[in-house]
Amino acid sequence: MTRQRLAIEHVIQSSREHLTAEQIYFQARRELPSLAIGTVYRNLNQMVEEKRVRRLTMPGSADRFDRFANPHPHLLCPRCGCVFDYKVDGLQDFLQQKTGVPLQSYELTLCGLCPKCAAKDKASE
């Protein structure tokens, strides 16, 4: 594995956030100042193909990358733009039962205020 790939993977795996390619690029450049943005995109595409990370397509914003490649829902806050993992036990089984189709994967993004934005709203009432 190349030094560039290691740096990119380290940024993703050590982050609790779902970073954009640009955010990954800027963080990885701290370790490798000569890193090119094209290298980041190329490696991210390979990592998605290898199922090492998951690409999240977010409405109205840049794709994000998730360190957990397994299918799981996400919550997108329309106010601050944060993306969170959202756990729903038995969701894949439920979806398979309702559709009658053996699912290989799924994408589910819920939109709603994150706890910080919801707390700000409540405090301003």
Foldseek 3Di string as FASTA:
>chain_A
DDPLLVLLLCLQVPDQFFAALVVSVVNSCVVVVVDDSVVSVVSVVVCCVVLQWPWADDPPDGITIHRHSAAFEWEAEPPPGTIHTDDDPPPQVVVCVVVVDNDPHDYHYHYDHDPVVVVVVVVVD
